[in-house]
Amino acid sequence: MRTPELKQLDLNKKGAITCIPEENYMNTMLHVVEPELEKCKKSGYFVADDSAKLYYESYSVPNPAGTIVISHGFIESVLKYKEMIYYFTSAGYQVYGLDHRGHGRSERLVKDISLVHITSFDQFVADFKCFLDSVVKKDMADKKLILYAHSMGGAIGALFLEKHPDYFQKAILSSPMMEINSGKFPKWIARFLADFHTWTGKGASYVYTHKPFNGEYEYHNAPVTSEVRYQYYFDKILANDFLKTNGSSFNWLSEAYKATEELKKNADKIQIPVLLFKAAADSFVHPEGYYQFAKRAKNVTIINTQDTKHELYKSTSDFLCAYLNAIFEFIEADA
């Protein structure tokens, strides 16, 4: 095992990307960012290995420096990453992202639009490979391929890197789900309850404390530090039923626990450089999982951040500038 490299994010170090100021955020997103992205956007569906139809988007740029693939988090969608896509394309990278199975516009196993239910986390990984093979690698320029993954998407990304080490050249894992915070329940109880309900035929039911989307504005309980960024996506959710995903099934939770154990156990199979961002106050994942993962993987740098919550890409503009600078510095470094 190796000792992972630990760094503190330098908030005073700014790069070439200028982040959207919060005082004019909504107007800029609606009247500048969205129209600009529509000009270079393609969208459609690809067919997974079990014939499920999964939604994706791509954003092209002239003479791209490389390709960035986004793997979104739990109850999210690629639509939530408009601002990040704007920064990536502005820096000269073409971007691809999909709605994971059970999310956004992609096919679901249950009729309840609020519930994320799966039978196996391996299906997420298989879907991701199918997306890369049938869409991304088919169209991408012959340049470097970079993974940007958040939370659940980070777990999917880590599992993918372990199973398929030759696809990506570098990976950015932002608050990846490597050790689940089970809240008031000890981990062993939470995992037992998830497994028990799955074994007894209730795997497609909501886990305790999760519920259907109710339209309530809950910024103060949200895992973000920028209210205007929260408001922007909340408005999108209210306007689009396919975004009203809000909770997990017992089967999803059971499979998520298995996935986090697997990705830590097999981290030594990851050979590429990985930049892992750790939020300061993360109520969704425990940082211990990061250190277990990083000790086994070949080349992981953990970046500590200050005054942040789980969704780092929904932080204040000052933080985002430093966050993006670290990302682009990592991507563009020779390695």
C-alpha atoms as a PDB file:
ATOM      1  CA  MET A   1       0.000   0.000   0.000  1.00  0.00           C
ATOM      2  CA  ARG A   2       1.124   3.553  -0.690  1.00  0.00           C
ATOM      3  CA  THR A   3       0.698   6.828   1.160  1.00  0.00           C
ATOM      4  CA  PRO A   4      -1.652   9.046  -0.875  1.00  0.00           C
ATOM      5  CA  GLU A   5      -0.634  12.595  -1.684  1.00  0.00           C
ATOM      6  CA  LEU A   6      -2.701  15.114   0.281  1.00  0.00           C
ATOM      7  CA  LYS A   7      -3.064  18.760  -0.736  1.00  0.00           C
ATOM      8  CA  GLN A   8      -5.108  21.763   0.322  1.00  0.00           C
ATOM      9  CA  LEU A   9      -6.997  23.612  -2.403  1.00  0.00           C
ATOM     10  CA  ASP A  10      -5.421  27.036  -2.894  1.00  0.00           C
ATOM     11  CA  LEU A  11      -8.354  29.461  -3.019  1.00  0.00           C
ATOM     12  CA  ASN A  12      -6.084  32.301  -4.100  1.00  0.00           C
ATOM     13  CA  LYS A  13      -4.832  30.517  -7.190  1.00  0.00           C
ATOM     14  CA  LYS A  14      -6.956  31.406 -10.207  1.00  0.00           C
ATOM     15  CA  GLY A  15      -6.700  30.112 -13.744  1.00  0.00           C
ATOM     16  CA  ALA A  16      -7.835  31.349 -17.139  1.00  0.00           C
ATOM     17  CA  ILE A  17     -11.493  30.397 -16.567  1.00  0.00           C
ATOM     18  CA  THR A  18     -13.691  33.176 -15.183  1.00  0.00           C
ATOM     19  CA  CYS A  19     -16.601  31.807 -13.168  1.00  0.00           C
ATOM     20  CA  ILE A  20     -20.095  33.235 -13.424  1.00  0.00           C
ATOM     21  CA  PRO A  21     -20.635  35.763 -10.600  1.00  0.00           C
ATOM     22  CA  GLU A  22     -23.487  34.926  -8.262  1.00  0.00           C
ATOM     23  CA  GLU A  23     -25.028  38.387  -8.382  1.00  0.00           C
ATOM     24  CA  ASN A  24     -25.886  37.913 -12.066  1.00  0.00           C
ATOM     25  CA  TYR A  25     -25.962  34.115 -12.146  1.00  0.00           C
ATOM     26  CA  MET A  26     -29.525  33.359 -13.185  1.00  0.00           C
ATOM     27  CA  ASN A  27     -29.545  35.862 -16.033  1.00  0.00           C
ATOM     28  CA  THR A  28     -26.165  34.652 -17.312  1.00  0.00           C
ATOM     29  CA  MET A  29     -27.176  30.989 -17.230  1.00  0.00           C
ATOM     30  CA  LEU A  30     -30.494  31.583 -18.994  1.00  0.00           C
ATOM     31  CA  HIS A  31     -29.394  34.138 -21.580  1.00  0.00           C
ATOM     32  CA  VAL A  32     -25.716  33.386 -22.190  1.00  0.00           C
ATOM     33  CA  VAL A  33     -24.738  29.865 -21.121  1.00  0.00           C
ATOM     34  CA  GLU A  34     -27.817  27.950 -22.258  1.00  0.00           C
ATOM     35  CA  PRO A  35     -27.976  29.561 -25.751  1.00  0.00           C
ATOM     36  CA  GLU A  36     -24.231  29.056 -26.262  1.00  0.00           C
ATOM     37  CA  LEU A  37     -24.399  25.397 -25.290  1.00  0.00           C
ATOM     38  CA  GLU A  38     -27.420  24.755 -27.504  1.00  0.00           C
ATOM     39  CA  LYS A  39     -25.322  25.756 -30.527  1.00  0.00           C
ATOM     40  CA  CYS A  40     -22.897  22.868 -30.000  1.00  0.00           C
ATOM     41  CA  LYS A  41     -25.194  20.318 -28.374  1.00  0.00           C
ATOM     42  CA  LYS A  42     -26.354  16.968 -29.686  1.00  0.00           C
ATOM     43  CA  SER A  43     -28.670  14.675 -27.762  1.00  0.00           C
ATOM     44  CA  GLY A  44     -30.199  11.279 -28.223  1.00  0.00           C
ATOM     45  CA  TYR A  45     -30.499   7.763 -26.875  1.00  0.00           C
ATOM     46  CA  PHE A  46     -28.258   4.732 -27.033  1.00  0.00           C
ATOM     47  CA  VAL A  47     -29.317   1.148 -26.407  1.00  0.00           C
ATOM     48  CA  ALA A  48     -27.754  -0.663 -23.444  1.00  0.00           C
ATOM     49  CA  ASP A  49     -26.815  -4.335 -23.485  1.00  0.00           C
ATOM     50  CA  ASP A  50     -30.230  -5.300 -22.079  1.00  0.00           C
ATOM     51  CA  SER A  51     -32.049  -3.112 -24.659  1.00  0.00           C
ATOM     52  CA  ALA A  52     -32.769  -0.274 -22.211  1.00  0.00           C
ATOM     53  CA  LYS A  53     -32.812   3.180 -23.832  1.00  0.00           C
ATOM     54  CA  LEU A  54     -30.506   5.637 -22.089  1.00  0.00           C
ATOM     55  CA  TYR A  55     -30.291   9.377 -22.743  1.00  0.00           C
ATOM     56  CA  TYR A  56     -27.075  11.265 -23.489  1.00  0.00           C
ATOM     57  CA  GLU A  57     -25.822  14.681 -24.551  1.00  0.00           C
ATOM     58  CA  SER A  58     -22.631  15.772 -26.310  1.00  0.00           C
ATOM     59  CA  TYR A  59     -21.078  19.204 -26.794  1.00  0.00           C
ATOM     60  CA  SER A  60     -18.566  19.769 -29.586  1.00  0.00           C
ATOM     61  CA  VAL A  61     -15.840  22.390 -29.987  1.00  0.00           C
ATOM     62  CA  PRO A  62     -13.479  23.094 -32.914  1.00  0.00           C
ATOM     63  CA  ASN A  63     -10.124  21.297 -32.640  1.00  0.00           C
ATOM     64  CA  PRO A  64     -10.748  19.939 -29.130  1.00  0.00           C
ATOM     65  CA  ALA A  65      -7.868  19.577 -26.697  1.00  0.00           C
ATOM     66  CA  GLY A  66      -9.496  16.403 -25.455  1.00  0.00           C
ATOM     67  CA  THR A  67     -12.772  14.836 -24.382  1.00  0.00           C
ATOM     68  CA  ILE A  68     -14.337  15.010 -20.915  1.00  0.00           C
ATOM     69  CA  VAL A  69     -16.995  12.457 -19.964  1.00  0.00           C
ATOM     70  CA  ILE A  70     -19.339  13.314 -17.076  1.00  0.00           C
ATOM     71  CA  SER A  71     -20.711  10.667 -14.708  1.00  0.00           C
ATOM     72  CA  HIS A  72     -23.370  12.360 -12.559  1.00  0.00           C
ATOM     73  CA  GLY A  73     -24.419  11.623  -8.996  1.00  0.00           C
ATOM     74  CA  PHE A  74     -27.428  10.061  -7.282  1.00  0.00           C
ATOM     75  CA  ILE A  75     -30.853  11.553  -8.233  1.00  0.00           C
ATOM     76  CA  GLU A  76     -29.103  13.879 -10.696  1.00  0.00           C
ATOM     77  CA  SER A  77     -28.947  14.193 -14.480  1.00  0.00           C
ATOM     78  CA  VAL A  78     -26.564  15.536 -17.092  1.00  0.00           C
ATOM     79  CA  LEU A  79     -28.747  18.673 -17.178  1.00  0.00           C
ATOM     80  CA  LYS A  80     -27.456  19.567 -13.711  1.00  0.00           C
ATOM     81  CA  TYR A  81     -23.962  20.042 -15.142  1.00  0.00           C
ATOM     82  CA  LYS A  82     -24.694  22.871 -17.611  1.00  0.00           C
ATOM     83  CA  GLU A  83     -22.351  25.278 -15.871  1.00  0.00           C
ATOM     84  CA  MET A  84     -19.501  22.759 -15.682  1.00  0.00           C
ATOM     85  CA  ILE A  85     -20.039  21.830 -19.335  1.00  0.00           C
ATOM     86  CA  TYR A  86     -19.819  25.527 -20.214  1.00  0.00           C
ATOM     87  CA  TYR A  87     -16.459  25.840 -18.446  1.00  0.00           C
ATOM     88  CA  PHE A  88     -15.132  22.644 -20.034  1.00  0.00           C
ATOM     89  CA  THR A  89     -16.121  23.680 -23.558  1.00  0.00           C
ATOM     90  CA  SER A  90     -14.812  27.217 -22.979  1.00  0.00           C
ATOM     91  CA  ALA A  91     -11.446  25.651 -22.176  1.00  0.00           C
ATOM     92  CA  GLY A  92     -11.470  23.764 -25.477  1.00  0.00           C
ATOM     93  CA  TYR A  93     -12.751  20.336 -24.432  1.00  0.00           C
ATOM     94  CA  GLN A  94     -15.635  18.497 -26.016  1.00  0.00           C
ATOM     95  CA  VAL A  95     -18.003  16.990 -23.456  1.00  0.00           C
ATOM     96  CA  TYR A  96     -20.195  13.902 -23.221  1.00  0.00           C
ATOM     97  CA  GLY A  97     -22.619  12.945 -20.477  1.00  0.00           C
ATOM     98  CA  LEU A  98     -25.424  10.462 -19.959  1.00  0.00           C
ATOM     99  CA  ASP A  99     -28.380  10.130 -17.629  1.00  0.00           C
ATOM    100  CA  HIS A 100     -27.606   6.986 -15.678  1.00  0.00           C
ATOM    101  CA  ARG A 101     -30.237   4.246 -15.667  1.00  0.00           C
ATOM    102  CA  GLY A 102     -33.147   5.233 -13.405  1.00  0.00           C
ATOM    103  CA  HIS A 103     -32.329   8.946 -13.705  1.00  0.00           C
ATOM    104  CA  GLY A 104     -33.431  11.854 -15.888  1.00  0.00           C
ATOM    105  CA  ARG A 105     -34.669  10.883 -19.332  1.00  0.00           C
ATOM    106  CA  SER A 106     -33.223   7.362 -19.192  1.00  0.00           C
ATOM    107  CA  GLU A 107     -35.228   4.179 -18.796  1.00  0.00           C
ATOM    108  CA  ARG A 108     -36.328   3.109 -15.319  1.00  0.00           C
ATOM    109  CA  LEU A 109     -37.239  -0.184 -13.669  1.00  0.00           C
ATOM    110  CA  VAL A 110     -40.176   1.313 -11.743  1.00  0.00           C
ATOM    111  CA  LYS A 111     -43.037   3.636 -12.647  1.00  0.00           C
ATOM    112  CA  ASP A 112     -42.411   5.959  -9.689  1.00  0.00           C
ATOM    113  CA  ILE A 113     -40.367   8.806 -11.200  1.00  0.00           C
ATOM    114  CA  SER A 114     -39.063   9.783  -7.739  1.00  0.00           C
ATOM    115  CA  LEU A 115     -37.523   6.388  -6.958  1.00  0.00           C
ATOM    116  CA  VAL A 116     -34.081   5.166  -8.039  1.00  0.00           C
ATOM    117  CA  HIS A 117     -34.200   1.368  -8.195  1.00  0.00           C
ATOM    118  CA  ILE A 118     -31.667  -1.031  -9.694  1.00  0.00           C
ATOM    119  CA  THR A 119     -30.961  -4.742  -9.456  1.00  0.00           C
ATOM    120  CA  SER A 120     -27.166  -4.468  -9.691  1.00  0.00           C
ATOM    121  CA  PHE A 121     -24.557  -1.698  -9.605  1.00  0.00           C
ATOM    122  CA  ASP A 122     -22.724  -3.652 -12.283  1.00  0.00           C
ATOM    123  CA  GLN A 123     -25.445  -2.543 -14.689  1.00  0.00           C
ATOM    124  CA  PHE A 124     -24.404   1.098 -14.206  1.00  0.00           C
ATOM    125  CA  VAL A 125     -20.859   0.114 -15.160  1.00  0.00           C
ATOM    126  CA  ALA A 126     -22.031  -1.913 -18.167  1.00  0.00           C
ATOM    127  CA  ASP A 127     -24.178   1.029 -19.299  1.00  0.00           C
ATOM    128  CA  PHE A 128     -21.198   3.366 -19.007  1.00  0.00           C
ATOM    129  CA  LYS A 129     -19.031   1.074 -21.126  1.00  0.00           C
ATOM    130  CA  CYS A 130     -21.783   0.821 -23.735  1.00  0.00           C
ATOM    131  CA  PHE A 131     -22.032   4.626 -23.785  1.00  0.00           C
ATOM    132  CA  LEU A 132     -18.295   5.001 -24.307  1.00  0.00           C
ATOM    133  CA  ASP A 133     -18.139   2.320 -27.006  1.00  0.00           C
ATOM    134  CA  SER A 134     -21.247   3.233 -28.984  1.00  0.00           C
ATOM    135  CA  VAL A 135     -21.277   7.031 -28.629  1.00  0.00           C
ATOM    136  CA  VAL A 136     -18.141   8.644 -27.199  1.00  0.00           C
ATOM    137  CA  LYS A 137     -15.309   6.671 -28.826  1.00  0.00           C
ATOM    138  CA  LYS A 138     -17.218   6.566 -32.084  1.00  0.00           C
ATOM    139  CA  ASP A 139     -17.250  10.363 -32.399  1.00  0.00           C
ATOM    140  CA  MET A 140     -14.402  11.660 -30.244  1.00  0.00           C
ATOM    141  CA  ALA A 141     -11.255  13.224 -31.592  1.00  0.00           C
ATOM    142  CA  ASP A 142      -8.043  11.260 -31.231  1.00  0.00           C
ATOM    143  CA  LYS A 143      -7.070  13.146 -28.075  1.00  0.00           C
ATOM    144  CA  LYS A 144      -6.960  12.412 -24.355  1.00  0.00           C
ATOM    145  CA  LEU A 145     -10.092  11.064 -22.672  1.00  0.00           C
ATOM    146  CA  ILE A 146     -10.836  12.448 -19.193  1.00  0.00           C
ATOM    147  CA  LEU A 147     -13.398  11.275 -16.628  1.00  0.00           C
ATOM    148  CA  TYR A 148     -15.206  13.813 -14.424  1.00  0.00           C
ATOM    149  CA  ALA A 149     -17.399  12.016 -11.894  1.00  0.00           C
ATOM    150  CA  HIS A 150     -19.368  13.065  -8.814  1.00  0.00           C
ATOM    151  CA  SER A 151     -20.687  11.035  -5.848  1.00  0.00           C
ATOM    152  CA  MET A 152     -22.560   7.934  -7.121  1.00  0.00           C
ATOM    153  CA  GLY A 153     -21.062   8.718 -10.513  1.00  0.00           C
ATOM    154  CA  GLY A 154     -17.647   8.590  -8.852  1.00  0.00           C
ATOM    155  CA  ALA A 155     -18.354   5.083  -7.574  1.00  0.00           C
ATOM    156  CA  ILE A 156     -19.466   4.056 -11.064  1.00  0.00           C
ATOM    157  CA  GLY A 157     -16.366   5.709 -12.492  1.00  0.00           C
ATOM    158  CA  ALA A 158     -13.989   4.000 -10.050  1.00  0.00           C
ATOM    159  CA  LEU A 159     -15.543   0.594 -10.745  1.00  0.00           C
ATOM    160  CA  PHE A 160     -15.243   1.263 -14.473  1.00  0.00           C
ATOM    161  CA  LEU A 161     -11.574   2.253 -14.187  1.00  0.00           C
ATOM    162  CA  GLU A 162     -10.881  -0.991 -12.310  1.00  0.00           C
ATOM    163  CA  LYS A 163     -12.650  -3.182 -14.853  1.00  0.00           C
ATOM    164  CA  HIS A 164     -11.528  -1.264 -17.953  1.00  0.00           C
ATOM    165  CA  PRO A 165      -8.178   0.426 -17.214  1.00  0.00           C
ATOM    166  CA  ASP A 166      -7.329   1.353 -20.809  1.00  0.00           C
ATOM    167  CA  TYR A 167     -10.159   3.794 -21.626  1.00  0.00           C
ATOM    168  CA  PHE A 168      -9.292   7.001 -19.755  1.00  0.00           C
ATOM    169  CA  GLN A 169      -5.984   8.834 -19.404  1.00  0.00           C
ATOM    170  CA  LYS A 170      -6.957  10.756 -16.251  1.00  0.00           C
ATOM    171  CA  ALA A 171      -9.882  10.961 -13.819  1.00  0.00           C
ATOM    172  CA  ILE A 172     -11.350  13.648 -11.564  1.00  0.00           C
ATOM    173  CA  LEU A 173     -13.484  12.217  -8.759  1.00  0.00           C
ATOM    174  CA  SER A 174     -15.450  14.925  -6.948  1.00  0.00           C
ATOM    175  CA  SER A 175     -16.847  13.796  -3.568  1.00  0.00           C
ATOM    176  CA  PRO A 176     -17.024  10.212  -4.855  1.00  0.00           C
ATOM    177  CA  MET A 177     -19.253   7.707  -3.058  1.00  0.00           C
ATOM    178  CA  MET A 178     -16.665   5.379  -1.512  1.00  0.00           C
ATOM    179  CA  GLU A 179     -18.033   5.103   2.036  1.00  0.00           C
ATOM    180  CA  ILE A 180     -21.725   5.881   2.560  1.00  0.00           C
ATOM    181  CA  ASN A 181     -22.783   8.045   5.497  1.00  0.00           C
ATOM    182  CA  SER A 182     -25.671   6.059   6.991  1.00  0.00           C
ATOM    183  CA  GLY A 183     -26.750   8.893   9.277  1.00  0.00           C
ATOM    184  CA  LYS A 184     -28.288   7.847  12.595  1.00  0.00           C
ATOM    185  CA  PHE A 185     -27.893   4.151  11.760  1.00  0.00           C
ATOM    186  CA  PRO A 186     -24.525   2.396  12.208  1.00  0.00           C
ATOM    187  CA  LYS A 187     -23.256   1.069   8.895  1.00  0.00           C
ATOM    188  CA  TRP A 188     -23.874  -2.588   9.765  1.00  0.00           C
ATOM    189  CA  ILE A 189     -27.506  -1.901  10.705  1.00  0.00           C
ATOM    190  CA  ALA A 190     -28.168   0.183   7.577  1.00  0.00           C
ATOM    191  CA  ARG A 191     -26.645  -2.497   5.387  1.00  0.00           C
ATOM    192  CA  PHE A 192     -28.534  -5.289   7.162  1.00  0.00           C
ATOM    193  CA  LEU A 193     -31.842  -3.448   6.725  1.00  0.00           C
ATOM    194  CA  ALA A 194     -31.161  -2.860   3.033  1.00  0.00           C
ATOM    195  CA  ASP A 195     -30.260  -6.515   2.497  1.00  0.00           C
ATOM    196  CA  PHE A 196     -33.162  -7.777   4.621  1.00  0.00           C
ATOM    197  CA  HIS A 197     -35.798  -5.783   2.742  1.00  0.00           C
ATOM    198  CA  THR A 198     -34.281  -6.912  -0.545  1.00  0.00           C
ATOM    199  CA  TRP A 199     -34.310 -10.576   0.512  1.00  0.00           C
ATOM    200  CA  THR A 200     -37.937 -10.321   1.693  1.00  0.00           C
ATOM    201  CA  GLY A 201     -39.233  -8.922  -1.594  1.00  0.00           C
ATOM    202  CA  LYS A 202     -39.320  -5.239  -0.633  1.00  0.00           C
ATOM    203  CA  GLY A 203     -36.207  -4.221  -2.523  1.00  0.00           C
ATOM    204  CA  ALA A 204     -38.143  -1.794  -4.718  1.00  0.00           C
ATOM    205  CA  SER A 205     -39.527   0.140  -1.712  1.00  0.00           C
ATOM    206  CA  TYR A 206     -38.130   3.467  -0.476  1.00  0.00           C
ATOM    207  CA  VAL A 207     -35.422   3.272   2.171  1.00  0.00           C
ATOM    208  CA  TYR A 208     -36.245   4.842   5.523  1.00  0.00           C
ATOM    209  CA  THR A 209     -36.311   8.691   5.440  1.00  0.00           C
ATOM    210  CA  HIS A 210     -36.535   8.763   1.618  1.00  0.00           C
ATOM    211  CA  LYS A 211     -39.786   9.853   0.004  1.00  0.00           C
ATOM    212  CA  PRO A 212     -41.285  11.038  -3.297  1.00  0.00           C
ATOM    213  CA  PHE A 213     -40.450  14.551  -4.516  1.00  0.00           C
ATOM    214  CA  ASN A 214     -42.811  17.057  -2.878  1.00  0.00           C
ATOM    215  CA  GLY A 215     -41.762  20.347  -4.471  1.00  0.00           C
ATOM    216  CA  GLU A 216     -40.382  21.860  -1.272  1.00  0.00           C
ATOM    217  CA  TYR A 217     -37.544  24.387  -1.516  1.00  0.00           C
ATOM    218  CA  GLU A 218     -34.871  23.002   0.819  1.00  0.00           C
ATOM    219  CA  TYR A 219     -31.715  25.015   0.251  1.00  0.00           C
ATOM    220  CA  HIS A 220     -30.750  25.046   3.928  1.00  0.00           C
ATOM    221  CA  ASN A 221     -30.649  21.244   3.967  1.00  0.00           C
ATOM    222  CA  ALA A 222     -29.062  20.955   0.528  1.00  0.00           C
ATOM    223  CA  PRO A 223     -25.443  19.774   0.016  1.00  0.00           C
ATOM    224  CA  VAL A 224     -24.448  23.066  -1.673  1.00  0.00           C
ATOM    225  CA  THR A 225     -23.050  26.436  -0.581  1.00  0.00           C
ATOM    226  CA  SER A 226     -24.399  28.621  -3.400  1.00  0.00           C
ATOM    227  CA  GLU A 227     -28.110  29.327  -3.100  1.00  0.00           C
ATOM    228  CA  VAL A 228     -28.449  30.813  -6.591  1.00  0.00           C
ATOM    229  CA  ARG A 229     -26.952  27.644  -8.092  1.00  0.00           C
ATOM    230  CA  TYR A 230     -29.380  25.572  -6.038  1.00  0.00           C
ATOM    231  CA  GLN A 231     -32.270  27.781  -7.209  1.00  0.00           C
ATOM    232  CA  TYR A 232     -31.294  27.409 -10.869  1.00  0.00           C
ATOM    233  CA  TYR A 233     -31.496  23.624 -10.839  1.00  0.00           C
ATOM    234  CA  PHE A 234     -34.509  23.567  -8.502  1.00  0.00           C
ATOM    235  CA  ASP A 235     -36.412  25.592 -11.106  1.00  0.00           C
ATOM    236  CA  LYS A 236     -35.427  22.988 -13.718  1.00  0.00           C
ATOM    237  CA  ILE A 237     -36.758  20.214 -11.488  1.00  0.00           C
ATOM    238  CA  LEU A 238     -40.093  21.977 -11.014  1.00  0.00           C
ATOM    239  CA  ALA A 239     -40.414  22.441 -14.779  1.00  0.00           C
ATOM    240  CA  ASN A 240     -39.483  18.861 -15.763  1.00  0.00           C
ATOM    241  CA  ASP A 241     -41.088  15.746 -14.312  1.00  0.00           C
ATOM    242  CA  PHE A 242     -38.164  13.563 -15.400  1.00  0.00           C
ATOM    243  CA  LEU A 243     -35.927  15.445 -12.930  1.00  0.00           C
ATOM    244  CA  LYS A 244     -38.140  14.802  -9.889  1.00  0.00           C
ATOM    245  CA  THR A 245     -36.064  11.844  -8.726  1.00  0.00           C
ATOM    246  CA  ASN A 246     -35.739  12.002  -4.959  1.00  0.00           C
ATOM    247  CA  GLY A 247     -34.966   8.729  -3.167  1.00  0.00           C
ATOM    248  CA  SER A 248     -33.468   5.270  -3.349  1.00  0.00           C
ATOM    249  CA  SER A 249     -34.842   1.771  -3.027  1.00  0.00           C
ATOM    250  CA  PHE A 250     -33.532  -0.778  -0.539  1.00  0.00           C
ATOM    251  CA  ASN A 251     -32.057  -2.686  -3.468  1.00  0.00           C
ATOM    252  CA  TRP A 252     -30.165   0.395  -4.676  1.00  0.00           C
ATOM    253  CA  LEU A 253     -28.728   0.868  -1.172  1.00  0.00           C
ATOM    254  CA  SER A 254     -27.804  -2.794  -0.838  1.00  0.00           C
ATOM    255  CA  GLU A 255     -26.005  -2.696  -4.182  1.00  0.00           C
ATOM    256  CA  ALA A 256     -24.333   0.619  -3.329  1.00  0.00           C
ATOM    257  CA  TYR A 257     -22.777  -0.912  -0.201  1.00  0.00           C
ATOM    258  CA  LYS A 258     -21.446  -3.816  -2.272  1.00  0.00           C
ATOM    259  CA  ALA A 259     -20.069  -1.393  -4.863  1.00  0.00           C
ATOM    260  CA  THR A 260     -18.184   0.728  -2.325  1.00  0.00           C
ATOM    261  CA  GLU A 261     -16.534  -2.360  -0.852  1.00  0.00           C
ATOM    262  CA  GLU A 262     -15.566  -3.627  -4.301  1.00  0.00           C
ATOM    263  CA  LEU A 263     -14.089  -0.352  -5.537  1.00  0.00           C
ATOM    264  CA  LYS A 264     -11.857  -0.044  -2.458  1.00  0.00           C
ATOM    265  CA  LYS A 265     -10.753  -3.676  -2.629  1.00  0.00           C
ATOM    266  CA  ASN A 266      -9.787  -3.469  -6.319  1.00  0.00           C
ATOM    267  CA  ALA A 267      -8.345   0.059  -6.396  1.00  0.00           C
ATOM    268  CA  ASP A 268      -4.881  -1.328  -7.176  1.00  0.00           C
ATOM    269  CA  LYS A 269      -6.134  -2.054 -10.699  1.00  0.00           C
ATOM    270  CA  ILE A 270      -6.363   1.677 -11.435  1.00  0.00           C
ATOM    271  CA  GLN A 271      -3.143   2.808 -13.107  1.00  0.00           C
ATOM    272  CA  ILE A 272      -4.000   6.319 -14.325  1.00  0.00           C
ATOM    273  CA  PRO A 273      -3.599   9.581 -12.351  1.00  0.00           C
ATOM    274  CA  VAL A 274      -6.670  10.382 -10.236  1.00  0.00           C
ATOM    275  CA  LEU A 275      -7.508  13.755  -8.678  1.00  0.00           C
ATOM    276  CA  LEU A 276      -9.941  13.251  -5.785  1.00  0.00           C
ATOM    277  CA  PHE A 277     -11.721  16.225  -4.199  1.00  0.00           C
ATOM    278  CA  LYS A 278     -12.877  15.962  -0.578  1.00  0.00           C
ATOM    279  CA  ALA A 279     -15.621  18.268   0.717  1.00  0.00           C
ATOM    280  CA  ALA A 280     -15.110  19.798   4.160  1.00  0.00           C
ATOM    281  CA  ALA A 281     -18.614  19.131   5.503  1.00  0.00           C
ATOM    282  CA  ASP A 282     -19.976  16.133   3.599  1.00  0.00           C
ATOM    283  CA  SER A 283     -23.128  14.586   5.062  1.00  0.00           C
ATOM    284  CA  PHE A 284     -23.453  11.983   2.297  1.00  0.00           C
ATOM    285  CA  VAL A 285     -20.094  10.190   2.250  1.00  0.00           C
ATOM    286  CA  HIS A 286     -17.364   9.479   4.821  1.00  0.00           C
ATOM    287  CA  PRO A 287     -13.796  10.481   3.868  1.00  0.00           C
ATOM    288  CA  GLU A 288     -12.341   7.257   5.300  1.00  0.00           C
ATOM    289  CA  GLY A 289     -13.322   5.551   2.062  1.00  0.00           C
ATOM    290  CA  TYR A 290     -11.085   7.953   0.136  1.00  0.00           C
ATOM    291  CA  TYR A 291      -7.996   7.030   2.118  1.00  0.00           C
ATOM    292  CA  GLN A 292      -8.636   3.293   1.801  1.00  0.00           C
ATOM    293  CA  PHE A 293      -9.072   3.719  -1.951  1.00  0.00           C
ATOM    294  CA  ALA A 294      -6.050   6.000  -2.370  1.00  0.00           C
ATOM    295  CA  LYS A 295      -3.721   3.675  -0.441  1.00  0.00           C
ATOM    296  CA  ARG A 296      -4.348   0.925  -2.981  1.00  0.00           C
ATOM    297  CA  ALA A 297      -4.557   2.888  -6.227  1.00  0.00           C
ATOM    298  CA  LYS A 298      -1.324   3.717  -8.031  1.00  0.00           C
ATOM    299  CA  ASN A 299      -1.571   7.492  -8.373  1.00  0.00           C
ATOM    300  CA  VAL A 300      -4.209   9.374  -6.355  1.00  0.00           C
ATOM    301  CA  THR A 301      -3.970  12.943  -5.103  1.00  0.00           C
ATOM    302  CA  ILE A 302      -6.570  13.963  -2.513  1.00  0.00           C
ATOM    303  CA  ILE A 303      -7.480  17.658  -2.470  1.00  0.00           C
ATOM    304  CA  ASN A 304      -8.954  18.946   0.787  1.00  0.00           C
ATOM    305  CA  THR A 305     -11.335  21.893   0.516  1.00  0.00           C
ATOM    306  CA  GLN A 306     -12.587  24.443   3.039  1.00  0.00           C
ATOM    307  CA  ASP A 307     -16.151  25.595   3.808  1.00  0.00           C
ATOM    308  CA  THR A 308     -17.685  23.213   1.259  1.00  0.00           C
ATOM    309  CA  LYS A 309     -20.458  20.639   1.124  1.00  0.00           C
ATOM    310  CA  HIS A 310     -20.949  17.473  -0.930  1.00  0.00           C
ATOM    311  CA  GLU A 311     -21.747  19.110  -4.290  1.00  0.00           C
ATOM    312  CA  LEU A 312     -18.523  21.016  -4.841  1.00  0.00           C
ATOM    313  CA  TYR A 313     -19.562  22.120  -8.336  1.00  0.00           C
ATOM    314  CA  LYS A 314     -22.511  23.961  -6.728  1.00  0.00           C
ATOM    315  CA  SER A 315     -20.282  26.043  -4.468  1.00  0.00           C
ATOM    316  CA  THR A 316     -19.675  29.788  -4.443  1.00  0.00           C
ATOM    317  CA  SER A 317     -18.034  31.402  -7.463  1.00  0.00           C
ATOM    318  CA  ASP A 318     -14.786  32.157  -5.618  1.00  0.00           C
ATOM    319  CA  PHE A 319     -14.410  28.499  -4.701  1.00  0.00           C
ATOM    320  CA  LEU A 320     -15.345  27.321  -8.196  1.00  0.00           C
ATOM    321  CA  CYS A 321     -12.554  29.370  -9.772  1.00  0.00           C
ATOM    322  CA  ALA A 322      -9.968  27.628  -7.580  1.00  0.00           C
ATOM    323  CA  TYR A 323     -11.655  24.243  -8.083  1.00  0.00           C
ATOM    324  CA  LEU A 324     -11.596  24.596 -11.864  1.00  0.00           C
ATOM    325  CA  ASN A 325      -8.021  25.843 -11.826  1.00  0.00           C
ATOM    326  CA  ALA A 326      -6.959  22.682  -9.984  1.00  0.00           C
ATOM    327  CA  ILE A 327      -8.919  20.521 -12.429  1.00  0.00           C
ATOM    328  CA  PHE A 328      -7.404  22.080 -15.558  1.00  0.00           C
ATOM    329  CA  GLU A 329      -3.923  22.149 -14.047  1.00  0.00           C
ATOM    330  CA  PHE A 330      -4.273  18.401 -13.429  1.00  0.00           C
ATOM    331  CA  ILE A 331      -5.693  17.647 -16.882  1.00  0.00           C
ATOM    332  CA  GLU A 332      -3.064  19.637 -18.739  1.00  0.00           C
ATOM    333  CA  ALA A 333      -0.046  18.434 -16.757  1.00  0.00           C
ATOM    334  CA  ASP A 334       2.192  15.875 -18.440  1.00  0.00           C
ATOM    335  CA  ALA A 335       1.657  12.453 -16.891  1.00  0.00           C
END
